[in-house]
Amino acid sequence: MFLCILFPFTDEKLSKRTHRFIYYPDTGWAVGAEESDFEGWAFPFPGVTLIEDFVTPEEEAEMVQLMDRDPWKLSQSGRRKQDYGPKVNFRKQKLKRAGFRGLPSFSREVVRRMGLYPILEDFRPVEQCNLDYSPERGSAIDPHLDDAWLWGERLVSLNLLSPTVLSMSREAPGSLLLCLAPSGFPEALADSAMAPSRSVPCQEVEVAVPLPRRSLVVLRGGARHQWKHAIHRRHIGARRVGVTFRELSAEFGPGGKQQELGRELLQMALSFQGRPTT
């Protein structure tokens, strides 16, 4: 049984130090980076699923070629974007369907393939956002949590054209309990039960989730709702296109207050007749 809990951290003058941990998808653990203060120390990091080679090189090339036929809009922090979804005012919790005609036709096969994996067999995306990153533009995205009023439990992102790192951080005023990784790491972590014997303030921890080219990553649970995610400039070494799919929250699902609107949005999204909204 894995043990990792939070307990109150009383020092109000937290340092700005960042301790880097690396996520290992085969074990579900985050382990202290080499030559760091916490090298060899680890804690369970649930809520991240990584599927490598989700699309083929040929599919990747075709998808990006089709994206590039439509205009990209300049966005924040050196990014460009294409949105396929309703226009949303998250602060006022209002949305407009004007201009939304569904996800793009080239995503039909991607969505079908998602359903072959147990973790995504009931995933029905209602929005797609393409983000284009370039080192020449200094592209990045700051740590953030995605909205939970409209968007549901799972965030699903496809990483195209180049590898990168998804950086996870948390602002909770507590500490993480760490275990000393056993010999035979990382395989030994999957079957080990270890008593924690060291701690680190949550606010000083950053978990690096390596994203290989053409991989699909799913965030849910704590990784979706408690840990912010970011892409740092230093992790953009070549053009990168991130394709994020979002599902509806329970409020817009069956039995929810806005289930009829949710049904209409989902029917529209899965018609796969969309163009980027302006």
Protein backbone atom coordinates (compact mmCIF):
# COMPACT_ATOMS: atom_id res chain seq x y z
CA MET A 1 0.00 0.00 0.00
CA PHE A 2 1.38 3.40 -0.99
CA LEU A 3 1.45 6.17 1.60
CA CYS A 4 1.54 9.83 0.68
CA ILE A 5 -0.31 12.43 2.74
CA LEU A 6 -0.32 16.16 3.36
CA PHE A 7 0.18 17.73 6.77
CA PRO A 8 0.16 21.40 7.86
CA PHE A 9 3.28 23.42 7.14
CA THR A 10 3.50 26.35 9.51
CA ASP A 11 6.46 28.38 8.21
CA GLU A 12 4.91 31.41 6.50
CA LYS A 13 8.18 32.42 4.90
CA LEU A 14 8.36 29.67 2.34
CA SER A 15 11.40 29.86 0.12
CA LYS A 16 11.08 30.17 -3.64
CA ARG A 17 13.18 27.07 -4.24
CA THR A 18 11.86 24.53 -6.70
CA HIS A 19 12.59 20.84 -6.24
CA ARG A 20 12.19 18.95 -9.50
CA PHE A 21 10.72 15.46 -9.61
CA ILE A 22 10.37 13.30 -12.72
CA TYR A 23 7.18 11.36 -13.40
CA TYR A 24 7.58 7.74 -14.50
CA PRO A 25 4.39 6.56 -16.24
CA ASP A 26 5.18 2.86 -15.85
CA THR A 27 5.08 3.19 -12.05
CA GLY A 28 2.85 6.20 -11.39
CA TRP A 29 5.54 7.69 -9.12
CA ALA A 30 7.40 11.01 -9.20
CA VAL A 31 11.10 10.66 -8.32
CA GLY A 32 13.62 13.33 -7.37
CA ALA A 33 15.79 14.46 -10.27
CA GLU A 34 19.41 13.42 -10.48
CA GLU A 35 21.88 15.64 -8.62
CA SER A 36 19.03 17.35 -6.76
CA ASP A 37 18.45 17.56 -3.00
CA PHE A 38 15.82 14.84 -3.34
CA GLU A 39 17.56 12.48 -5.74
CA GLY A 40 16.26 8.97 -5.10
CA TRP A 41 13.23 10.13 -3.08
CA ALA A 42 9.75 9.53 -4.46
CA PHE A 43 6.01 9.90 -3.94
CA PRO A 44 2.94 8.48 -5.75
CA PHE A 45 1.57 10.86 -8.38
CA PRO A 46 -1.84 9.56 -9.49
CA GLY A 47 -4.10 10.96 -12.19
CA VAL A 48 -1.72 10.95 -15.17
CA THR A 49 -2.00 8.45 -18.02
CA LEU A 50 0.44 8.55 -20.93
CA ILE A 51 -0.16 6.67 -24.20
CA GLU A 52 2.85 6.71 -26.51
CA ASP A 53 2.64 6.60 -30.32
CA PHE A 54 -1.07 7.37 -30.25
CA VAL A 55 -0.93 8.49 -33.88
CA THR A 56 1.44 7.44 -36.66
CA PRO A 57 3.98 9.79 -38.26
CA GLU A 58 1.80 9.88 -41.38
CA GLU A 59 -1.31 10.79 -39.37
CA GLU A 60 0.63 13.47 -37.52
CA ALA A 61 1.84 15.06 -40.76
CA GLU A 62 -1.65 15.02 -42.27
CA MET A 63 -3.27 16.54 -39.18
CA VAL A 64 -0.81 19.43 -39.00
CA GLN A 65 -1.06 20.02 -42.75
CA LEU A 66 -4.85 20.32 -42.45
CA MET A 67 -4.54 22.62 -39.43
CA ASP A 68 -2.19 24.91 -41.36
CA ARG A 69 -4.79 25.38 -44.08
CA ASP A 70 -6.83 27.43 -41.61
CA PRO A 71 -5.63 30.65 -40.00
CA TRP A 72 -3.94 30.61 -36.61
CA LYS A 73 -4.81 33.40 -34.16
CA LEU A 74 -2.11 34.98 -32.04
CA SER A 75 -2.56 34.11 -28.39
CA GLN A 76 -0.77 34.80 -25.11
CA SER A 77 2.86 34.03 -24.30
CA GLY A 78 3.98 33.54 -27.90
CA ARG A 79 1.39 30.90 -28.75
CA ARG A 80 -0.96 30.66 -31.72
CA LYS A 81 -4.32 28.92 -31.44
CA GLN A 82 -7.30 27.45 -33.21
CA ASP A 83 -10.52 26.90 -31.23
CA TYR A 84 -13.28 24.46 -32.05
CA GLY A 85 -15.91 25.05 -29.39
CA PRO A 86 -18.50 27.45 -28.03
CA LYS A 87 -17.48 30.94 -26.98
CA VAL A 88 -17.29 30.94 -23.19
CA ASN A 89 -17.19 33.63 -20.53
CA PHE A 90 -15.94 31.61 -17.58
CA ARG A 91 -16.17 34.47 -15.09
CA LYS A 92 -19.87 35.01 -15.80
CA GLN A 93 -20.47 31.32 -16.58
CA LYS A 94 -22.10 32.04 -19.91
CA LEU A 95 -21.54 30.58 -23.36
CA LYS A 96 -22.59 31.23 -26.95
CA ARG A 97 -22.93 28.63 -29.68
CA ALA A 98 -22.59 31.14 -32.52
CA GLY A 99 -19.94 30.03 -35.00
CA PHE A 100 -19.47 26.58 -33.45
CA ARG A 101 -20.06 23.82 -35.99
CA GLY A 102 -18.27 20.95 -34.31
CA LEU A 103 -14.83 19.41 -34.07
CA PRO A 104 -12.79 19.24 -37.30
CA SER A 105 -13.23 16.28 -39.62
CA PHE A 106 -9.61 15.15 -39.15
CA SER A 107 -10.29 14.50 -35.45
CA ARG A 108 -12.94 11.87 -36.07
CA GLU A 109 -10.42 9.01 -36.14
CA VAL A 110 -8.54 10.38 -33.12
CA VAL A 111 -11.73 10.44 -31.05
CA ARG A 112 -12.71 6.95 -32.23
CA ARG A 113 -9.30 5.62 -31.23
CA MET A 114 -9.58 7.17 -27.77
CA GLY A 115 -12.59 4.95 -27.13
CA LEU A 116 -10.43 1.83 -27.50
CA TYR A 117 -8.72 2.60 -24.18
CA PRO A 118 -10.63 1.79 -20.96
CA ILE A 119 -9.78 5.14 -19.40
CA LEU A 120 -11.40 6.93 -22.37
CA GLU A 121 -14.09 4.51 -23.51
CA ASP A 122 -16.86 6.94 -22.49
CA PHE A 123 -14.96 10.14 -23.33
CA ARG A 124 -17.02 12.46 -25.56
CA PRO A 125 -15.15 15.68 -26.33
CA VAL A 126 -17.17 18.80 -26.90
CA GLU A 127 -14.24 21.17 -27.49
CA GLN A 128 -10.86 21.05 -29.20
CA CYS A 129 -8.12 23.64 -28.85
CA ASN A 130 -4.99 23.55 -31.02
CA LEU A 131 -2.00 25.47 -29.63
CA ASP A 132 1.06 26.16 -31.77
CA TYR A 133 4.38 26.66 -29.93
CA SER A 134 7.61 27.97 -31.43
CA PRO A 135 11.00 28.69 -29.82
CA GLU A 136 11.37 31.73 -32.08
CA ARG A 137 8.27 33.28 -30.50
CA GLY A 138 9.30 32.24 -26.98
CA SER A 139 6.11 30.20 -26.66
CA ALA A 140 4.99 28.92 -23.27
CA ILE A 141 1.90 28.53 -21.11
CA ASP A 142 1.83 29.57 -17.46
CA PRO A 143 0.78 27.23 -14.63
CA HIS A 144 -3.00 27.00 -14.54
CA LEU A 145 -6.02 24.85 -13.73
CA ASP A 146 -8.63 24.37 -16.44
CA ASP A 147 -12.16 25.52 -15.69
CA ALA A 148 -14.40 23.01 -13.90
CA TRP A 149 -17.79 24.69 -14.45
CA LEU A 150 -18.04 23.71 -18.12
CA TRP A 151 -15.21 21.22 -18.59
CA GLY A 152 -15.40 17.79 -17.02
CA GLU A 153 -13.18 15.31 -15.22
CA ARG A 154 -10.67 14.45 -17.94
CA LEU A 155 -8.34 16.66 -19.96
CA VAL A 156 -6.86 14.89 -22.97
CA SER A 157 -3.94 16.31 -24.99
CA LEU A 158 -2.16 15.06 -28.08
CA ASN A 159 1.46 16.18 -28.44
CA LEU A 160 2.57 16.69 -32.06
CA LEU A 161 5.79 17.57 -33.96
CA SER A 162 8.26 17.56 -31.06
CA PRO A 163 8.71 16.24 -27.51
CA THR A 164 8.17 18.52 -24.56
CA VAL A 165 7.62 18.45 -20.78
CA LEU A 166 4.39 19.12 -18.91
CA SER A 167 5.33 20.79 -15.63
CA MET A 168 2.99 20.24 -12.68
CA SER A 169 2.93 22.41 -9.56
CA ARG A 170 0.70 22.86 -6.54
CA GLU A 171 -0.02 25.76 -4.17
CA ALA A 172 -1.38 23.76 -1.24
CA PRO A 173 -0.04 24.98 2.16
CA GLY A 174 1.24 21.61 3.24
CA SER A 175 4.03 19.14 2.66
CA LEU A 176 4.39 15.94 0.69
CA LEU A 177 5.74 12.87 2.42
CA LEU A 178 8.47 11.12 0.47
CA CYS A 179 9.73 7.55 0.39
CA LEU A 180 13.24 6.43 -0.44
CA ALA A 181 13.08 4.71 -3.81
CA PRO A 182 14.16 1.03 -3.55
CA SER A 183 16.96 -0.58 -5.47
CA GLY A 184 15.88 -1.73 -8.89
CA PHE A 185 14.08 1.57 -9.54
CA PRO A 186 11.86 2.27 -11.40
CA GLU A 187 10.42 -1.23 -11.78
CA ALA A 188 10.63 -1.95 -8.05
CA LEU A 189 8.36 1.00 -7.22
CA ALA A 190 5.36 -0.63 -8.84
CA ASP A 191 5.23 -3.42 -6.26
CA SER A 192 6.77 -1.80 -3.20
CA ALA A 193 5.22 -0.53 0.00
CA MET A 194 7.49 1.92 1.80
CA ALA A 195 7.17 4.05 4.90
CA PRO A 196 7.66 7.79 4.30
CA SER A 197 10.67 9.29 6.04
CA ARG A 198 11.19 12.73 4.52
CA SER A 199 8.99 15.66 3.52
CA VAL A 200 9.05 18.63 1.15
CA PRO A 201 6.73 21.67 1.01
CA CYS A 202 4.12 21.32 -1.75
CA GLN A 203 4.82 24.81 -3.03
CA GLU A 204 8.45 23.90 -3.71
CA VAL A 205 7.66 20.82 -5.81
CA GLU A 206 7.50 20.69 -9.59
CA VAL A 207 6.75 17.37 -11.30
CA ALA A 208 8.04 17.03 -14.85
CA VAL A 209 5.91 14.78 -17.06
CA PRO A 210 7.88 14.04 -20.26
CA LEU A 211 5.61 14.04 -23.33
CA PRO A 212 7.10 12.15 -26.30
CA ARG A 213 6.23 13.19 -29.81
CA ARG A 214 2.82 11.79 -30.93
CA SER A 215 1.87 10.79 -27.37
CA LEU A 216 -1.51 11.30 -25.70
CA VAL A 217 -1.74 12.40 -22.06
CA VAL A 218 -4.83 12.22 -19.85
CA LEU A 219 -5.16 14.28 -16.65
CA ARG A 220 -7.84 13.41 -14.10
CA GLY A 221 -8.42 13.43 -10.35
CA GLY A 222 -5.79 15.35 -8.40
CA ALA A 223 -3.65 15.91 -11.49
CA ARG A 224 -6.63 17.64 -13.10
CA HIS A 225 -8.08 19.59 -10.16
CA GLN A 226 -5.23 20.18 -7.67
CA TRP A 227 -1.99 20.34 -9.64
CA LYS A 228 -1.54 23.19 -12.09
CA HIS A 229 0.04 22.36 -15.44
CA ALA A 230 2.38 24.43 -17.61
CA ILE A 231 4.77 24.30 -20.55
CA HIS A 232 7.99 26.26 -19.93
CA ARG A 233 9.87 28.09 -22.69
CA ARG A 234 12.96 26.01 -22.06
CA HIS A 235 10.99 22.90 -23.03
CA ILE A 236 10.11 24.18 -26.50
CA GLY A 237 13.05 23.30 -28.73
CA ALA A 238 11.19 23.12 -32.06
CA ARG A 239 7.69 23.72 -33.38
CA ARG A 240 5.15 21.91 -31.23
CA VAL A 241 1.39 21.59 -31.69
CA GLY A 242 -0.67 20.60 -28.66
CA VAL A 243 -4.23 19.42 -29.32
CA THR A 244 -6.41 19.45 -26.21
CA PHE A 245 -9.84 17.81 -26.03
CA ARG A 246 -12.30 18.61 -23.24
CA GLU A 247 -15.50 16.91 -22.13
CA LEU A 248 -18.54 18.45 -20.44
CA SER A 249 -18.95 18.70 -16.68
CA ALA A 250 -21.75 16.94 -14.79
CA GLU A 251 -23.86 20.12 -14.90
CA PHE A 252 -24.17 19.68 -18.67
CA GLY A 253 -24.51 15.90 -18.59
CA PRO A 254 -27.53 13.62 -18.13
CA GLY A 255 -29.47 14.74 -15.06
CA GLY A 256 -27.59 18.03 -14.82
CA LYS A 257 -29.16 21.49 -14.70
CA GLN A 258 -28.10 22.20 -18.28
CA GLN A 259 -28.37 18.74 -19.76
CA GLU A 260 -30.34 19.90 -22.83
CA LEU A 261 -27.71 22.47 -23.73
CA GLY A 262 -25.04 19.85 -23.13
CA ARG A 263 -26.81 17.40 -25.42
CA GLU A 264 -27.00 20.01 -28.19
CA LEU A 265 -23.33 20.94 -27.81
CA LEU A 266 -22.23 17.33 -27.87
CA GLN A 267 -24.33 16.50 -30.91
CA MET A 268 -22.86 19.50 -32.69
CA ALA A 269 -19.28 18.68 -31.65
CA LEU A 270 -19.42 15.07 -32.83
CA SER A 271 -20.78 16.01 -36.24
CA PHE A 272 -17.11 16.73 -37.10
CA GLN A 273 -18.05 19.56 -39.45
CA GLY A 274 -16.21 22.33 -37.64
CA ARG A 275 -13.87 25.11 -38.62
CA PRO A 276 -11.91 27.25 -36.15
CA THR A 277 -14.17 29.77 -34.44
CA THR A 278 -13.27 33.45 -34.71
